[in-house]
N, C-alpha and C. Protein backbone atom coordinates (compact mmCIF):
# COMPACT_ATOMS: atom_id res chain seq x y z
N MET A 1 24.63 63.64 113.88
CA MET A 1 24.89 63.88 112.47
C MET A 1 26.32 63.47 112.15
N SER A 2 26.50 62.73 111.08
CA SER A 2 27.83 62.27 110.72
C SER A 2 28.62 63.38 110.03
N LYS A 3 29.91 63.22 110.04
CA LYS A 3 30.80 64.21 109.44
C LYS A 3 30.66 64.18 107.92
N VAL A 4 30.58 65.34 107.31
CA VAL A 4 30.49 65.45 105.86
C VAL A 4 31.90 65.24 105.28
N THR A 5 32.00 64.32 104.35
CA THR A 5 33.30 64.00 103.76
C THR A 5 33.41 64.56 102.35
N ALA A 6 34.64 64.64 101.88
CA ALA A 6 34.87 65.07 100.49
C ALA A 6 34.18 64.10 99.54
N LYS A 7 34.17 62.84 99.86
CA LYS A 7 33.53 61.83 99.02
C LYS A 7 32.02 62.06 98.92
N SER A 8 31.37 62.32 100.03
CA SER A 8 29.91 62.53 100.00
C SER A 8 29.56 63.82 99.25
N ILE A 9 30.37 64.86 99.41
CA ILE A 9 30.13 66.11 98.69
C ILE A 9 30.34 65.89 97.19
N LEU A 10 31.40 65.20 96.82
CA LEU A 10 31.69 64.96 95.41
C LEU A 10 30.58 64.13 94.76
N LYS A 11 30.11 63.10 95.42
CA LYS A 11 29.03 62.28 94.87
C LYS A 11 27.74 63.09 94.72
N ASP A 12 27.46 63.93 95.67
CA ASP A 12 26.27 64.79 95.58
C ASP A 12 26.40 65.76 94.42
N TRP A 13 27.59 66.31 94.24
CA TRP A 13 27.85 67.24 93.14
C TRP A 13 27.68 66.55 91.80
N LEU A 14 28.20 65.33 91.66
CA LEU A 14 28.04 64.58 90.42
C LEU A 14 26.56 64.33 90.13
N ALA A 15 25.80 63.97 91.16
CA ALA A 15 24.36 63.76 90.98
C ALA A 15 23.69 65.05 90.52
N HIS A 16 24.13 66.18 91.09
CA HIS A 16 23.59 67.48 90.69
C HIS A 16 23.90 67.77 89.22
N LEU A 17 25.14 67.48 88.79
CA LEU A 17 25.52 67.71 87.40
C LEU A 17 24.64 66.90 86.45
N ILE A 18 24.34 65.68 86.82
CA ILE A 18 23.50 64.82 85.99
C ILE A 18 22.09 65.40 85.90
N ILE A 19 21.57 65.87 87.01
CA ILE A 19 20.22 66.44 87.03
C ILE A 19 20.12 67.65 86.11
N VAL A 20 21.16 68.48 86.10
CA VAL A 20 21.13 69.68 85.25
C VAL A 20 21.69 69.41 83.85
N LYS A 21 21.87 68.14 83.54
CA LYS A 21 22.28 67.68 82.20
C LYS A 21 23.68 68.16 81.80
N GLN A 22 24.56 68.30 82.78
CA GLN A 22 25.97 68.61 82.49
C GLN A 22 26.73 67.30 82.59
N ASN A 23 26.88 66.62 81.47
CA ASN A 23 27.45 65.28 81.48
C ASN A 23 28.94 65.22 81.18
N VAL A 24 29.59 66.36 81.13
CA VAL A 24 31.04 66.40 80.95
C VAL A 24 31.63 67.20 82.10
N VAL A 25 32.65 66.65 82.72
CA VAL A 25 33.30 67.34 83.83
C VAL A 25 34.81 67.43 83.53
N LYS A 26 35.38 68.58 83.85
CA LYS A 26 36.80 68.84 83.58
C LYS A 26 37.54 69.00 84.91
N SER A 27 38.82 68.68 84.87
CA SER A 27 39.60 68.68 86.12
C SER A 27 39.61 70.04 86.81
N HIS A 28 39.60 71.14 86.06
CA HIS A 28 39.63 72.45 86.73
C HIS A 28 38.35 72.71 87.53
N GLU A 29 37.26 72.03 87.18
CA GLU A 29 36.01 72.22 87.91
C GLU A 29 36.08 71.67 89.33
N PHE A 30 36.97 70.72 89.57
CA PHE A 30 37.16 70.22 90.92
C PHE A 30 37.85 71.26 91.80
N GLU A 31 38.65 72.11 91.18
CA GLU A 31 39.37 73.15 91.91
C GLU A 31 38.53 74.40 92.14
N THR A 32 37.50 74.58 91.35
CA THR A 32 36.69 75.80 91.46
C THR A 32 35.24 75.47 91.83
N ASP A 33 34.52 74.88 90.90
CA ASP A 33 33.09 74.65 91.09
C ASP A 33 32.77 73.72 92.26
N LEU A 34 33.50 72.63 92.37
CA LEU A 34 33.23 71.68 93.45
C LEU A 34 33.57 72.27 94.82
N VAL A 35 34.67 73.00 94.90
CA VAL A 35 35.04 73.65 96.17
C VAL A 35 33.93 74.62 96.60
N ARG A 36 33.46 75.41 95.65
CA ARG A 36 32.38 76.36 95.91
C ARG A 36 31.09 75.63 96.30
N TYR A 37 30.77 74.55 95.60
CA TYR A 37 29.58 73.74 95.89
C TYR A 37 29.62 73.24 97.33
N GLY A 38 30.76 72.73 97.75
CA GLY A 38 30.90 72.24 99.13
C GLY A 38 30.68 73.34 100.15
N GLU A 39 31.19 74.53 99.85
CA GLU A 39 31.03 75.65 100.77
C GLU A 39 29.58 76.13 100.83
N VAL A 40 28.95 76.30 99.67
CA VAL A 40 27.61 76.87 99.60
C VAL A 40 26.55 75.89 100.09
N TYR A 41 26.59 74.66 99.59
CA TYR A 41 25.52 73.70 99.89
C TYR A 41 25.76 72.87 101.13
N TRP A 42 27.01 72.72 101.53
CA TRP A 42 27.31 71.88 102.69
C TRP A 42 27.94 72.65 103.84
N GLY A 43 28.36 73.88 103.59
CA GLY A 43 29.00 74.68 104.63
C GLY A 43 30.35 74.12 105.05
N VAL A 44 31.00 73.43 104.11
CA VAL A 44 32.28 72.76 104.40
C VAL A 44 33.30 73.19 103.36
N ARG A 45 34.49 73.55 103.83
CA ARG A 45 35.58 73.90 102.91
C ARG A 45 36.59 72.77 102.90
N LYS A 46 36.79 72.20 101.73
CA LYS A 46 37.79 71.15 101.52
C LYS A 46 38.78 71.66 100.48
N LEU A 47 39.99 71.15 100.56
CA LEU A 47 41.01 71.53 99.58
C LEU A 47 40.74 70.87 98.24
N PRO A 48 41.06 71.56 97.14
CA PRO A 48 40.89 70.95 95.82
C PRO A 48 41.63 69.61 95.70
N SER A 49 42.79 69.51 96.32
CA SER A 49 43.55 68.26 96.25
C SER A 49 42.81 67.11 96.93
N ALA A 50 42.03 67.40 97.96
CA ALA A 50 41.23 66.36 98.62
C ALA A 50 40.18 65.83 97.66
N TYR A 51 39.52 66.73 96.94
CA TYR A 51 38.52 66.30 95.96
C TYR A 51 39.17 65.53 94.82
N ALA A 52 40.35 65.96 94.38
CA ALA A 52 41.05 65.27 93.29
C ALA A 52 41.40 63.84 93.69
N ARG A 53 41.88 63.65 94.92
CA ARG A 53 42.21 62.30 95.41
C ARG A 53 40.97 61.42 95.45
N VAL A 54 39.88 61.98 95.97
CA VAL A 54 38.63 61.22 96.07
C VAL A 54 38.10 60.88 94.68
N TRP A 55 38.16 61.82 93.75
CA TRP A 55 37.70 61.58 92.38
C TRP A 55 38.49 60.44 91.74
N ARG A 56 39.79 60.46 91.91
CA ARG A 56 40.64 59.38 91.37
C ARG A 56 40.26 58.04 91.99
N SER A 57 40.07 58.03 93.29
CA SER A 57 39.69 56.80 93.99
C SER A 57 38.32 56.28 93.53
N ILE A 58 37.36 57.18 93.39
CA ILE A 58 36.01 56.78 92.96
C ILE A 58 36.06 56.20 91.55
N ARG A 59 36.80 56.83 90.67
CA ARG A 59 36.91 56.32 89.29
C ARG A 59 37.57 54.96 89.25
N GLU A 60 38.68 54.81 89.97
CA GLU A 60 39.42 53.56 89.94
C GLU A 60 38.63 52.39 90.52
N SER A 61 37.87 52.66 91.57
CA SER A 61 37.11 51.59 92.23
C SER A 61 35.68 51.47 91.70
N GLN A 62 35.31 52.35 90.79
CA GLN A 62 33.95 52.43 90.25
C GLN A 62 32.93 52.59 91.38
N ASP A 63 33.28 53.38 92.35
CA ASP A 63 32.42 53.63 93.51
C ASP A 63 31.38 54.71 93.22
N TYR A 64 31.05 54.90 91.96
CA TYR A 64 30.03 55.85 91.57
C TYR A 64 28.72 55.16 91.22
N LYS A 65 28.68 53.86 91.33
CA LYS A 65 27.50 53.08 90.93
C LYS A 65 26.27 53.40 91.78
N ASP A 66 26.47 53.95 92.98
CA ASP A 66 25.33 54.28 93.84
C ASP A 66 24.77 55.69 93.58
N ILE A 67 25.36 56.42 92.64
CA ILE A 67 24.85 57.74 92.28
C ILE A 67 23.69 57.54 91.31
N PRO A 68 22.51 58.05 91.64
CA PRO A 68 21.35 57.85 90.77
C PRO A 68 21.62 58.27 89.32
N LEU A 69 21.22 57.44 88.40
CA LEU A 69 21.30 57.64 86.95
C LEU A 69 22.70 57.48 86.37
N LEU A 70 23.74 57.45 87.20
CA LEU A 70 25.11 57.36 86.67
C LEU A 70 25.50 55.90 86.46
N GLN A 71 25.81 55.55 85.22
CA GLN A 71 26.20 54.19 84.90
C GLN A 71 27.71 54.01 84.80
N ASP A 72 28.38 55.00 84.20
CA ASP A 72 29.81 54.85 83.98
C ASP A 72 30.46 56.22 83.83
N VAL A 73 31.78 56.24 83.94
CA VAL A 73 32.57 57.44 83.73
C VAL A 73 33.62 57.10 82.69
N LYS A 74 33.68 57.90 81.63
CA LYS A 74 34.61 57.64 80.54
C LYS A 74 35.55 58.82 80.37
N LYS A 75 36.86 58.56 80.38
CA LYS A 75 37.84 59.62 80.14
C LYS A 75 37.84 59.94 78.65
N LEU A 76 37.71 61.21 78.34
CA LEU A 76 37.71 61.65 76.95
C LEU A 76 39.11 62.09 76.54
N GLU A 77 39.48 61.77 75.33
CA GLU A 77 40.78 62.18 74.79
C GLU A 77 40.65 63.60 74.25
N THR A 78 41.56 64.46 74.68
CA THR A 78 41.57 65.85 74.21
C THR A 78 42.98 66.22 73.78
N ASN A 79 43.12 67.38 73.18
CA ASN A 79 44.43 67.86 72.72
C ASN A 79 45.16 68.66 73.78
N ASN A 80 44.59 68.76 74.98
CA ASN A 80 45.29 69.50 76.04
C ASN A 80 45.53 68.58 77.23
N LYS A 81 46.21 69.09 78.23
CA LYS A 81 46.60 68.27 79.38
C LYS A 81 45.49 68.13 80.42
N GLU A 82 44.45 68.91 80.31
CA GLU A 82 43.37 68.86 81.29
C GLU A 82 42.58 67.56 81.16
N GLY A 83 42.27 66.95 82.31
CA GLY A 83 41.45 65.75 82.30
C GLY A 83 39.99 66.11 82.03
N VAL A 84 39.35 65.32 81.17
CA VAL A 84 37.94 65.53 80.83
C VAL A 84 37.25 64.18 80.86
N TRP A 85 36.11 64.11 81.56
CA TRP A 85 35.37 62.86 81.69
C TRP A 85 33.92 63.05 81.31
N GLU A 86 33.36 62.03 80.70
CA GLU A 86 31.95 62.02 80.37
C GLU A 86 31.22 61.19 81.42
N LEU A 87 30.13 61.75 81.95
CA LEU A 87 29.29 61.03 82.89
C LEU A 87 28.22 60.34 82.06
N ILE A 88 28.29 59.03 81.97
CA ILE A 88 27.37 58.27 81.14
C ILE A 88 26.18 57.85 82.01
N THR A 89 25.01 58.28 81.56
CA THR A 89 23.80 58.03 82.34
C THR A 89 22.90 57.02 81.64
N ASN A 90 21.90 56.57 82.36
CA ASN A 90 20.95 55.62 81.79
C ASN A 90 19.65 56.30 81.37
N THR A 91 19.75 57.59 81.01
CA THR A 91 18.56 58.31 80.54
C THR A 91 18.66 58.57 79.05
């Protein structure tokens, strides 16, 4: 069995969000929800900063194209400092 990475957990989490029709993700969710998701579903604890680095890398390289139904990620403009992204699907 191969080692579970922050990248594989994050991609699985994004696929899960799409399935449950949660198409907006906020930066604080990487520090709370994603960390918990990794622990509960994968039995792996990763630091929030590890997920943040991977998320930035995936967005910049568009390495999300292999996630089912996910076509694009769009940063939304808000009035606060928190990052907010829309997961654009083909459904």
